Amino acid sequence: MHQLKLCQVSKELLTQIKTIDDTCLGGLWSLQAYEQEIENPKSTLIALINEAKQVLGYGCLWRVLEESHITILAVQPDWQSLGFGHLLVWGLLKVARDDAAEWTVLEVRESNQYAIKLYENFDFLEVGRRHGYYQITGEDALIMWRKGLQEPEFGMLLAEWQEQIWQRVTAKLFELGAEPEGSKVDRSVAIVDAL
């Protein structure tokens, strides 16, 4: 049986997270920066791991008063296009709601259409632009915002999204043969009870 779990990051996972950062984000954050995120009580660093404790992707959320801010999100290249980015965004939004945030904001490269579409799937709206935000390329960042996290409707949406994401991940893993002998991923383990 193939098991997936969203969990808060511990120090023993940081080397893998830094490797994903280097591969996907060009070394955006240092190992020390990730260590600080673990120690910061206003920050939550989550990872999607398999039963071998291999990190498949991760994300970080900061909280300040009623605002939450998704600061980073990455999925290991070999595991992209399987719904893991959706699972991570869902997990970060769940954390934000559980922590009483009213809204979530993030920045995304204007050229990263895949990420923009991902966030739009969670009803994020473009609300602004940071000109020249990405120093290496000079590219603009789009500011995206998701409000209403404490509304009852948002709680229902989280439940719906969980089911949709679950179905997509299960189907994709089955296509890849990641579930031997037709077994199913254990849903109680796979989706987030650890957060």
N, C-alpha and C. Protein backbone atom coordinates (compact mmCIF):
# COMPACT_ATOMS: atom_id res chain seq x y z
N MET A 1 0.85 -1.19 0.00
CA MET A 1 0.00 0.00 0.00
C MET A 1 0.89 1.24 0.00
N HIS A 2 0.54 2.19 -0.81
CA HIS A 2 1.29 3.44 -0.94
C HIS A 2 0.67 4.47 -0.02
N GLN A 3 1.43 5.03 0.91
CA GLN A 3 0.89 5.99 1.85
C GLN A 3 1.52 7.36 1.66
N LEU A 4 0.70 8.38 1.71
CA LEU A 4 1.15 9.77 1.65
C LEU A 4 0.62 10.48 2.88
N LYS A 5 1.39 11.45 3.37
CA LYS A 5 0.98 12.18 4.56
C LYS A 5 1.48 13.61 4.48
N LEU A 6 0.62 14.55 4.83
CA LEU A 6 1.04 15.93 5.05
C LEU A 6 1.42 16.06 6.51
N CYS A 7 2.56 16.67 6.77
CA CYS A 7 3.01 16.81 8.15
C CYS A 7 3.79 18.10 8.32
N GLN A 8 3.91 18.54 9.56
CA GLN A 8 4.80 19.66 9.83
C GLN A 8 6.22 19.16 9.68
N VAL A 9 7.08 20.03 9.16
CA VAL A 9 8.46 19.64 8.87
C VAL A 9 9.27 19.60 10.16
N SER A 10 10.05 18.56 10.29
CA SER A 10 11.02 18.44 11.37
C SER A 10 12.42 18.61 10.77
N LYS A 11 13.39 18.81 11.62
CA LYS A 11 14.75 19.08 11.15
C LYS A 11 15.31 17.96 10.28
N GLU A 12 14.92 16.71 10.54
CA GLU A 12 15.46 15.61 9.75
C GLU A 12 15.00 15.62 8.30
N LEU A 13 13.98 16.40 7.98
CA LEU A 13 13.51 16.51 6.59
C LEU A 13 14.14 17.68 5.84
N LEU A 14 14.87 18.54 6.53
CA LEU A 14 15.35 19.78 5.92
C LEU A 14 16.33 19.57 4.77
N THR A 15 17.18 18.56 4.84
CA THR A 15 18.12 18.32 3.75
C THR A 15 17.38 18.03 2.45
N GLN A 16 16.33 17.22 2.54
CA GLN A 16 15.52 16.92 1.35
C GLN A 16 14.80 18.17 0.85
N ILE A 17 14.29 18.98 1.77
CA ILE A 17 13.59 20.20 1.37
C ILE A 17 14.56 21.16 0.68
N LYS A 18 15.75 21.28 1.21
CA LYS A 18 16.75 22.16 0.59
C LYS A 18 17.11 21.65 -0.82
N THR A 19 17.18 20.35 -1.01
CA THR A 19 17.46 19.80 -2.34
C THR A 19 16.34 20.16 -3.32
N ILE A 20 15.09 20.06 -2.87
CA ILE A 20 13.97 20.45 -3.74
C ILE A 20 14.03 21.94 -4.04
N ASP A 21 14.33 22.75 -3.02
CA ASP A 21 14.49 24.19 -3.22
C ASP A 21 15.55 24.47 -4.28
N ASP A 22 16.70 23.83 -4.16
CA ASP A 22 17.79 24.04 -5.14
C ASP A 22 17.35 23.65 -6.54
N THR A 23 16.64 22.53 -6.65
CA THR A 23 16.22 22.03 -7.96
C THR A 23 15.10 22.87 -8.57
N CYS A 24 14.10 23.18 -7.78
CA CYS A 24 12.90 23.84 -8.30
C CYS A 24 12.96 25.37 -8.26
N LEU A 25 13.65 25.90 -7.26
CA LEU A 25 13.60 27.35 -7.02
C LEU A 25 14.96 28.02 -7.13
N GLY A 26 15.97 27.25 -7.54
CA GLY A 26 17.30 27.83 -7.73
C GLY A 26 17.98 28.25 -6.44
N GLY A 27 17.66 27.58 -5.33
CA GLY A 27 18.30 27.90 -4.06
C GLY A 27 17.75 29.18 -3.45
N LEU A 28 16.45 29.35 -3.52
CA LEU A 28 15.80 30.56 -3.02
C LEU A 28 16.07 30.80 -1.54
N TRP A 29 15.93 29.75 -0.73
CA TRP A 29 16.16 29.87 0.71
C TRP A 29 17.34 29.01 1.11
N SER A 30 18.05 29.44 2.13
CA SER A 30 19.17 28.67 2.68
C SER A 30 18.65 27.64 3.67
N LEU A 31 19.50 26.69 4.01
CA LEU A 31 19.14 25.70 5.03
C LEU A 31 18.84 26.40 6.35
N GLN A 32 19.61 27.43 6.67
CA GLN A 32 19.39 28.19 7.89
C GLN A 32 18.02 28.88 7.87
N ALA A 33 17.60 29.38 6.73
CA ALA A 33 16.28 30.01 6.62
C ALA A 33 15.18 28.99 6.92
N TYR A 34 15.32 27.76 6.41
CA TYR A 34 14.33 26.73 6.70
C TYR A 34 14.33 26.38 8.18
N GLU A 35 15.49 26.31 8.79
CA GLU A 35 15.58 26.04 10.23
C GLU A 35 14.84 27.12 11.01
N GLN A 36 14.99 28.38 10.59
CA GLN A 36 14.31 29.48 11.26
C GLN A 36 12.80 29.37 11.12
N GLU A 37 12.34 28.88 9.97
CA GLU A 37 10.89 28.70 9.78
C GLU A 37 10.33 27.67 10.76
N ILE A 38 11.08 26.61 11.00
CA ILE A 38 10.64 25.58 11.95
C ILE A 38 10.54 26.17 13.36
N GLU A 39 11.46 27.02 13.70
CA GLU A 39 11.52 27.59 15.06
C GLU A 39 10.57 28.77 15.25
N ASN A 40 10.12 29.39 14.17
CA ASN A 40 9.28 30.58 14.26
C ASN A 40 7.83 30.18 14.58
N PRO A 41 7.26 30.63 15.70
CA PRO A 41 5.90 30.24 16.05
C PRO A 41 4.83 30.82 15.11
N LYS A 42 5.20 31.81 14.30
CA LYS A 42 4.24 32.39 13.35
C LYS A 42 4.37 31.78 11.96
N SER A 43 5.14 30.71 11.86
CA SER A 43 5.36 30.07 10.58
C SER A 43 5.01 28.59 10.68
N THR A 44 4.44 28.06 9.61
CA THR A 44 4.19 26.62 9.52
C THR A 44 4.80 26.13 8.21
N LEU A 45 5.72 25.20 8.32
CA LEU A 45 6.37 24.57 7.17
C LEU A 45 5.84 23.15 7.10
N ILE A 46 5.15 22.81 6.01
CA ILE A 46 4.58 21.47 5.86
C ILE A 46 5.25 20.75 4.70
N ALA A 47 5.21 19.42 4.78
CA ALA A 47 5.76 18.59 3.70
C ALA A 47 4.78 17.47 3.39
N LEU A 48 4.80 17.06 2.14
CA LEU A 48 4.10 15.86 1.71
C LEU A 48 5.15 14.77 1.64
N ILE A 49 4.97 13.72 2.44
CA ILE A 49 5.95 12.64 2.48
C ILE A 49 5.28 11.31 2.17
N ASN A 50 6.10 10.36 1.73
CA ASN A 50 5.58 9.01 1.52
C ASN A 50 5.99 8.13 2.71
N GLU A 51 5.67 6.85 2.61
CA GLU A 51 5.94 5.95 3.74
C GLU A 51 7.42 5.79 4.05
N ALA A 52 8.29 6.08 3.09
CA ALA A 52 9.74 6.02 3.31
C ALA A 52 10.29 7.35 3.82
N LYS A 53 9.40 8.28 4.15
CA LYS A 53 9.75 9.63 4.62
C LYS A 53 10.53 10.42 3.57
N GLN A 54 10.23 10.13 2.30
CA GLN A 54 10.77 10.91 1.19
C GLN A 54 9.87 12.12 1.01
N VAL A 55 10.48 13.31 0.97
CA VAL A 55 9.71 14.54 0.78
C VAL A 55 9.39 14.68 -0.71
N LEU A 56 8.11 14.77 -1.03
CA LEU A 56 7.66 14.90 -2.41
C LEU A 56 7.37 16.36 -2.76
N GLY A 57 7.09 17.16 -1.74
CA GLY A 57 6.83 18.58 -1.93
C GLY A 57 6.67 19.24 -0.57
N TYR A 58 6.66 20.57 -0.57
CA TYR A 58 6.53 21.29 0.69
C TYR A 58 5.98 22.69 0.44
N GLY A 59 5.54 23.32 1.51
CA GLY A 59 5.05 24.69 1.45
C GLY A 59 5.21 25.35 2.81
N CYS A 60 5.17 26.67 2.81
CA CYS A 60 5.33 27.43 4.05
C CYS A 60 4.26 28.52 4.13
N LEU A 61 3.77 28.73 5.33
CA LEU A 61 2.73 29.72 5.60
C LEU A 61 3.16 30.57 6.79
N TRP A 62 3.09 31.89 6.64
CA TRP A 62 3.31 32.82 7.74
C TRP A 62 1.96 33.36 8.19
N ARG A 63 1.84 33.67 9.48
CA ARG A 63 0.62 34.26 10.01
C ARG A 63 0.95 35.54 10.77
N VAL A 64 0.22 36.60 10.45
CA VAL A 64 0.31 37.86 11.17
C VAL A 64 -1.11 38.36 11.37
N LEU A 65 -1.54 38.37 12.63
CA LEU A 65 -2.90 38.76 12.99
C LEU A 65 -3.90 37.96 12.15
N GLU A 66 -4.77 38.62 11.39
CA GLU A 66 -5.79 37.88 10.63
C GLU A 66 -5.33 37.49 9.23
N GLU A 67 -4.09 37.78 8.88
CA GLU A 67 -3.57 37.47 7.55
C GLU A 67 -2.64 36.26 7.60
N SER A 68 -2.71 35.46 6.56
CA SER A 68 -1.72 34.41 6.34
C SER A 68 -1.09 34.65 4.98
N HIS A 69 0.14 34.18 4.84
CA HIS A 69 0.90 34.45 3.62
C HIS A 69 1.60 33.16 3.21
N ILE A 70 1.24 32.63 2.04
CA ILE A 70 1.96 31.47 1.50
C ILE A 70 3.27 32.01 0.91
N THR A 71 4.36 31.59 1.51
CA THR A 71 5.66 32.16 1.15
C THR A 71 6.44 31.31 0.16
N ILE A 72 6.17 30.02 0.15
CA ILE A 72 6.93 29.13 -0.74
C ILE A 72 6.13 27.85 -0.96
N LEU A 73 6.27 27.28 -2.15
CA LEU A 73 5.60 26.03 -2.48
C LEU A 73 6.41 25.37 -3.59
N ALA A 74 6.75 24.10 -3.41
CA ALA A 74 7.50 23.38 -4.44
C ALA A 74 7.20 21.89 -4.36
N VAL A 75 7.18 21.25 -5.52
CA VAL A 75 7.01 19.81 -5.63
C VAL A 75 8.22 19.26 -6.39
N GLN A 76 8.78 18.19 -5.87
CA GLN A 76 9.92 17.53 -6.51
C GLN A 76 9.57 17.23 -7.97
N PRO A 77 10.47 17.55 -8.92
CA PRO A 77 10.14 17.42 -10.35
C PRO A 77 9.60 16.04 -10.75
N ASP A 78 10.13 14.97 -10.20
CA ASP A 78 9.64 13.63 -10.56
C ASP A 78 8.21 13.37 -10.12
N TRP A 79 7.69 14.20 -9.24
CA TRP A 79 6.35 14.00 -8.68
C TRP A 79 5.38 15.11 -9.06
N GLN A 80 5.74 15.94 -10.03
CA GLN A 80 4.85 17.01 -10.47
C GLN A 80 3.74 16.47 -11.36
N SER A 81 2.68 17.22 -11.47
CA SER A 81 1.50 16.90 -12.30
C SER A 81 0.69 15.71 -11.78
N LEU A 82 0.82 15.44 -10.48
CA LEU A 82 0.05 14.36 -9.87
C LEU A 82 -0.98 14.87 -8.87
N GLY A 83 -1.08 16.19 -8.73
CA GLY A 83 -2.02 16.76 -7.77
C GLY A 83 -1.39 17.10 -6.43
N PHE A 84 -0.08 16.91 -6.32
CA PHE A 84 0.58 17.16 -5.03
C PHE A 84 0.62 18.65 -4.69
N GLY A 85 0.75 19.51 -5.69
CA GLY A 85 0.69 20.95 -5.45
C GLY A 85 -0.67 21.34 -4.89
N HIS A 86 -1.73 20.76 -5.43
CA HIS A 86 -3.08 21.01 -4.92
C HIS A 86 -3.19 20.55 -3.46
N LEU A 87 -2.63 19.38 -3.18
CA LEU A 87 -2.70 18.86 -1.82
C LEU A 87 -1.97 19.79 -0.85
N LEU A 88 -0.82 20.32 -1.27
CA LEU A 88 -0.08 21.24 -0.41
C LEU A 88 -0.81 22.57 -0.20
N VAL A 89 -1.38 23.13 -1.26
CA VAL A 89 -2.14 24.38 -1.10
C VAL A 89 -3.33 24.12 -0.19
N TRP A 90 -4.03 23.01 -0.40
CA TRP A 90 -5.15 22.66 0.48
C TRP A 90 -4.68 22.60 1.93
N GLY A 91 -3.55 21.94 2.18
CA GLY A 91 -3.03 21.83 3.54
C GLY A 91 -2.70 23.18 4.15
N LEU A 92 -2.09 24.06 3.36
CA LEU A 92 -1.75 25.40 3.86
C LEU A 92 -3.02 26.21 4.17
N LEU A 93 -4.03 26.09 3.32
CA LEU A 93 -5.29 26.79 3.58
C LEU A 93 -5.99 26.23 4.82
N LYS A 94 -5.89 24.94 5.02
CA LYS A 94 -6.47 24.33 6.23
C LYS A 94 -5.77 24.86 7.47
N VAL A 95 -4.44 24.93 7.43
CA VAL A 95 -3.68 25.49 8.56
C VAL A 95 -4.09 26.94 8.80
N ALA A 96 -4.20 27.72 7.73
CA ALA A 96 -4.59 29.13 7.87
C ALA A 96 -5.97 29.25 8.53
N ARG A 97 -6.91 28.46 8.08
CA ARG A 97 -8.26 28.49 8.67
C ARG A 97 -8.22 28.06 10.13
N ASP A 98 -7.51 26.97 10.42
CA ASP A 98 -7.41 26.48 11.79
C ASP A 98 -6.77 27.52 12.72
N ASP A 99 -5.90 28.35 12.17
CA ASP A 99 -5.23 29.40 12.95
C ASP A 99 -5.99 30.72 12.95
N ALA A 100 -7.23 30.70 12.49
CA ALA A 100 -8.15 31.85 12.51
C ALA A 100 -7.78 32.97 11.55
N ALA A 101 -7.01 32.66 10.50
CA ALA A 101 -6.73 33.68 9.49
C ALA A 101 -8.01 33.99 8.71
N GLU A 102 -8.17 35.25 8.37
CA GLU A 102 -9.33 35.68 7.58
C GLU A 102 -9.06 35.59 6.08
N TRP A 103 -7.78 35.75 5.69
CA TRP A 103 -7.43 35.70 4.28
C TRP A 103 -5.99 35.21 4.13
N THR A 104 -5.66 34.84 2.89
CA THR A 104 -4.31 34.39 2.54
C THR A 104 -3.86 35.15 1.31
N VAL A 105 -2.60 35.52 1.31
CA VAL A 105 -2.00 36.24 0.18
C VAL A 105 -0.74 35.49 -0.25
N LEU A 106 -0.33 35.69 -1.49
CA LEU A 106 0.90 35.10 -2.00
C LEU A 106 1.39 35.91 -3.19
N GLU A 107 2.64 35.70 -3.55
CA GLU A 107 3.20 36.25 -4.79
C GLU A 107 3.59 35.09 -5.69
N VAL A 108 3.42 35.29 -6.99
CA VAL A 108 3.76 34.26 -7.96
C VAL A 108 4.32 34.94 -9.22
N ARG A 109 5.33 34.32 -9.82
CA ARG A 109 5.89 34.86 -11.07
C ARG A 109 4.79 34.98 -12.12
N GLU A 110 4.77 36.11 -12.81
CA GLU A 110 3.73 36.30 -13.82
C GLU A 110 3.84 35.28 -14.95
N SER A 111 5.02 34.72 -15.17
CA SER A 111 5.20 33.73 -16.23
C SER A 111 4.85 32.31 -15.79
N ASN A 112 4.60 32.09 -14.50
CA ASN A 112 4.34 30.75 -13.99
C ASN A 112 2.85 30.44 -14.09
N GLN A 113 2.41 30.17 -15.31
CA GLN A 113 0.99 29.94 -15.58
C GLN A 113 0.45 28.71 -14.85
N TYR A 114 1.29 27.68 -14.69
CA TYR A 114 0.83 26.49 -13.98
C TYR A 114 0.49 26.85 -12.53
N ALA A 115 1.35 27.60 -11.86
CA ALA A 115 1.10 27.99 -10.47
C ALA A 115 -0.11 28.92 -10.38
N ILE A 116 -0.22 29.86 -11.30
CA ILE A 116 -1.35 30.78 -11.29
C ILE A 116 -2.66 29.99 -11.40
N LYS A 117 -2.69 29.04 -12.31
CA LYS A 117 -3.88 28.19 -12.48
C LYS A 117 -4.16 27.39 -11.20
N LEU A 118 -3.10 26.87 -10.59
CA LEU A 118 -3.25 26.14 -9.33
C LEU A 118 -3.95 27.01 -8.28
N TYR A 119 -3.46 28.23 -8.09
CA TYR A 119 -4.05 29.12 -7.09
C TYR A 119 -5.46 29.54 -7.47
N GLU A 120 -5.70 29.76 -8.75
CA GLU A 120 -7.06 30.10 -9.19
C GLU A 120 -8.05 28.97 -8.89
N ASN A 121 -7.57 27.72 -8.91
CA ASN A 121 -8.43 26.59 -8.56
C ASN A 121 -8.94 26.68 -7.12
N PHE A 122 -8.22 27.43 -6.27
CA PHE A 122 -8.61 27.64 -4.88
C PHE A 122 -9.24 29.02 -4.69
N ASP A 123 -9.68 29.63 -5.79
CA ASP A 123 -10.37 30.92 -5.77
C ASP A 123 -9.49 32.10 -5.35
N PHE A 124 -8.19 31.98 -5.56
CA PHE A 124 -7.32 33.15 -5.39
C PHE A 124 -7.56 34.09 -6.56
N LEU A 125 -7.56 35.38 -6.26
CA LEU A 125 -7.73 36.41 -7.28
C LEU A 125 -6.48 37.27 -7.35
N GLU A 126 -6.15 37.71 -8.56
CA GLU A 126 -5.05 38.66 -8.71
C GLU A 126 -5.51 40.03 -8.22
N VAL A 127 -4.75 40.60 -7.29
CA VAL A 127 -5.14 41.90 -6.71
C VAL A 127 -4.07 42.97 -6.89
N GLY A 128 -2.93 42.60 -7.48
CA GLY A 128 -1.88 43.58 -7.67
C GLY A 128 -0.65 42.97 -8.30
N ARG A 129 0.39 43.78 -8.36
CA ARG A 129 1.64 43.37 -9.02
C ARG A 129 2.80 44.03 -8.30
N ARG A 130 3.86 43.28 -8.12
CA ARG A 130 5.11 43.83 -7.58
C ARG A 130 6.11 43.87 -8.74
N HIS A 131 6.39 45.07 -9.21
CA HIS A 131 7.27 45.24 -10.37
C HIS A 131 8.71 44.89 -10.01
N GLY A 132 9.33 44.04 -10.86
CA GLY A 132 10.73 43.66 -10.66
C GLY A 132 10.98 42.88 -9.39
N TYR A 133 9.99 42.19 -8.88
CA TYR A 133 10.06 41.49 -7.59
C TYR A 133 11.16 40.42 -7.57
N TYR A 134 11.30 39.70 -8.66
CA TYR A 134 12.30 38.63 -8.73
C TYR A 134 13.60 39.22 -9.24
N GLN A 135 14.56 39.37 -8.33
CA GLN A 135 15.77 40.14 -8.61
C GLN A 135 16.62 39.55 -9.74
N ILE A 136 16.74 38.25 -9.80
CA ILE A 136 17.63 37.64 -10.80
C ILE A 136 17.12 37.91 -12.22
N THR A 137 15.81 37.82 -12.42
CA THR A 137 15.25 37.99 -13.76
C THR A 137 14.59 39.35 -13.97
N GLY A 138 14.31 40.05 -12.89
CA GLY A 138 13.59 41.31 -12.99
C GLY A 138 12.10 41.14 -13.27
N GLU A 139 11.65 39.90 -13.21
CA GLU A 139 10.25 39.59 -13.52
C GLU A 139 9.32 40.11 -12.42
N ASP A 140 8.13 40.50 -12.84
CA ASP A 140 7.11 40.94 -11.90
C ASP A 140 6.49 39.75 -11.17
N ALA A 141 6.00 40.01 -9.97
CA ALA A 141 5.21 39.04 -9.22
C ALA A 141 3.76 39.51 -9.22
N LEU A 142 2.86 38.58 -9.45
CA LEU A 142 1.45 38.86 -9.27
C LEU A 142 1.12 38.63 -7.80
N ILE A 143 0.34 39.52 -7.22
CA ILE A 143 -0.14 39.34 -5.86
C ILE A 143 -1.52 38.71 -5.97
N MET A 144 -1.68 37.57 -5.31
CA MET A 144 -2.96 36.86 -5.35
C MET A 144 -3.49 36.75 -3.92
N TRP A 145 -4.80 36.81 -3.80
CA TRP A 145 -5.45 36.91 -2.50
C TRP A 145 -6.66 36.00 -2.45
N ARG A 146 -6.84 35.34 -1.31
CA ARG A 146 -8.02 34.49 -1.08
C ARG A 146 -8.64 34.92 0.24
N LYS A 147 -9.85 35.45 0.19
CA LYS A 147 -10.51 35.92 1.41
C LYS A 147 -11.55 34.92 1.88
N GLY A 148 -12.13 35.21 3.04
CA GLY A 148 -13.27 34.43 3.53
C GLY A 148 -12.92 33.10 4.17
N LEU A 149 -11.72 32.94 4.69
CA LEU A 149 -11.30 31.66 5.23
C LEU A 149 -12.11 31.23 6.45
N GLN A 150 -12.72 32.17 7.15
CA GLN A 150 -13.51 31.82 8.34
C GLN A 150 -15.01 31.68 8.04
N GLU A 151 -15.38 31.90 6.81
CA GLU A 151 -16.79 31.75 6.43
C GLU A 151 -17.17 30.26 6.43
N PRO A 152 -18.41 29.93 6.83
CA PRO A 152 -18.83 28.52 6.82
C PRO A 152 -18.69 27.88 5.44
N GLU A 153 -18.95 28.67 4.39
CA GLU A 153 -18.84 28.14 3.03
C GLU A 153 -17.41 27.67 2.72
N PHE A 154 -16.43 28.37 3.29
CA PHE A 154 -15.04 27.98 3.04
C PHE A 154 -14.74 26.61 3.67
N GLY A 155 -15.29 26.37 4.84
CA GLY A 155 -15.12 25.05 5.46
C GLY A 155 -15.69 23.95 4.58
N MET A 156 -16.84 24.22 3.97
CA MET A 156 -17.43 23.23 3.06
C MET A 156 -16.57 23.06 1.81
N LEU A 157 -16.03 24.17 1.31
CA LEU A 157 -15.14 24.10 0.14
C LEU A 157 -13.90 23.27 0.45
N LEU A 158 -13.32 23.46 1.64
CA LEU A 158 -12.15 22.66 2.01
C LEU A 158 -12.47 21.17 1.94
N ALA A 159 -13.63 20.79 2.44
CA ALA A 159 -14.03 19.37 2.40
C ALA A 159 -14.22 18.89 0.96
N GLU A 160 -14.84 19.72 0.13
CA GLU A 160 -15.02 19.36 -1.29
C GLU A 160 -13.68 19.23 -1.99
N TRP A 161 -12.81 20.22 -1.78
CA TRP A 161 -11.50 20.18 -2.42
C TRP A 161 -10.72 18.96 -1.97
N GLN A 162 -10.81 18.62 -0.70
CA GLN A 162 -10.09 17.45 -0.20
C GLN A 162 -10.50 16.21 -0.99
N GLU A 163 -11.80 16.04 -1.16
CA GLU A 163 -12.31 14.88 -1.90
C GLU A 163 -11.84 14.89 -3.35
N GLN A 164 -11.94 16.05 -4.01
CA GLN A 164 -11.51 16.17 -5.41
C GLN A 164 -10.02 15.89 -5.57
N ILE A 165 -9.23 16.47 -4.68
CA ILE A 165 -7.78 16.28 -4.75
C ILE A 165 -7.47 14.81 -4.51
N TRP A 166 -8.12 14.24 -3.52
CA TRP A 166 -7.89 12.83 -3.21
C TRP A 166 -8.14 11.95 -4.43
N GLN A 167 -9.27 12.18 -5.10
CA GLN A 167 -9.60 11.38 -6.27
C GLN A 167 -8.54 11.54 -7.36
N ARG A 168 -8.07 12.78 -7.58
CA ARG A 168 -7.07 13.01 -8.62
C ARG A 168 -5.75 12.32 -8.27
N VAL A 169 -5.29 12.47 -7.04
CA VAL A 169 -4.02 11.86 -6.63
C VAL A 169 -4.11 10.34 -6.74
N THR A 170 -5.21 9.77 -6.26
CA THR A 170 -5.38 8.32 -6.33
C THR A 170 -5.35 7.83 -7.77
N ALA A 171 -6.07 8.52 -8.66
CA ALA A 171 -6.11 8.12 -10.06
C ALA A 171 -4.73 8.22 -10.70
N LYS A 172 -4.00 9.30 -10.43
CA LYS A 172 -2.67 9.49 -11.02
C LYS A 172 -1.70 8.44 -10.51
N LEU A 173 -1.72 8.15 -9.21
CA LEU A 173 -0.83 7.13 -8.67
C LEU A 173 -1.16 5.76 -9.25
N PHE A 174 -2.44 5.47 -9.43
CA PHE A 174 -2.84 4.19 -10.00
C PHE A 174 -2.34 4.07 -11.44
N GLU A 175 -2.45 5.19 -12.21
CA GLU A 175 -1.94 5.20 -13.59
C GLU A 175 -0.45 4.86 -13.65
N LEU A 176 0.29 5.36 -12.65
CA LEU A 176 1.73 5.13 -12.62
C LEU A 176 2.10 3.75 -12.07
N GLY A 177 1.11 3.03 -11.59
CA GLY A 177 1.40 1.73 -11.00
C GLY A 177 1.99 1.85 -9.62
N ALA A 178 1.76 2.97 -8.95
CA ALA A 178 2.32 3.17 -7.62
C ALA A 178 1.55 2.41 -6.55
N GLU A 179 0.44 1.79 -6.94
CA GLU A 179 -0.35 1.04 -5.99
C GLU A 179 -0.39 -0.43 -6.44
N PRO A 180 0.52 -1.24 -5.96
CA PRO A 180 0.60 -2.63 -6.41
C PRO A 180 -0.66 -3.42 -6.12
N GLU A 181 -0.91 -4.39 -6.99
CA GLU A 181 -2.01 -5.34 -6.86
C GLU A 181 -3.36 -4.66 -6.71
N GLY A 182 -3.52 -3.48 -7.32
CA GLY A 182 -4.80 -2.79 -7.30
C GLY A 182 -5.22 -2.26 -5.94
N SER A 183 -4.30 -2.22 -4.97
CA SER A 183 -4.67 -1.71 -3.65
C SER A 183 -4.94 -0.22 -3.73
N LYS A 184 -5.65 0.29 -2.75
CA LYS A 184 -5.95 1.72 -2.71
C LYS A 184 -5.09 2.40 -1.67
N VAL A 185 -4.80 3.67 -1.94
CA VAL A 185 -4.09 4.47 -0.95
C VAL A 185 -4.97 4.58 0.28
N ASP A 186 -4.41 4.43 1.45
CA ASP A 186 -5.15 4.53 2.70
C ASP A 186 -5.49 5.98 2.95
N ARG A 187 -6.74 6.34 2.71
CA ARG A 187 -7.17 7.74 2.79
C ARG A 187 -6.92 8.35 4.17
N SER A 188 -7.12 7.61 5.23
CA SER A 188 -6.95 8.17 6.56
C SER A 188 -5.50 8.56 6.80
N VAL A 189 -4.58 7.90 6.15
CA VAL A 189 -3.18 8.25 6.29
C VAL A 189 -2.80 9.30 5.27
N ALA A 190 -3.35 9.20 4.08
CA ALA A 190 -2.89 10.03 2.97
C ALA A 190 -3.25 11.49 3.14
N ILE A 191 -4.38 11.80 3.69
CA ILE A 191 -4.78 13.20 3.70
C ILE A 191 -4.83 13.68 5.13
N VAL A 192 -3.96 14.34 5.54
CA VAL A 192 -3.64 15.35 6.52
C VAL A 192 -3.99 15.21 7.96
N ASP A 193 -4.40 14.16 8.49
CA ASP A 193 -4.72 14.14 9.91
C ASP A 193 -3.55 14.61 10.77
N ALA A 194 -2.35 14.59 10.22
CA ALA A 194 -1.18 15.00 11.00
C ALA A 194 -1.07 16.51 11.18
N LEU A 195 -1.74 17.30 10.36
CA LEU A 195 -1.60 18.76 10.48
C LEU A 195 -2.37 19.30 11.64
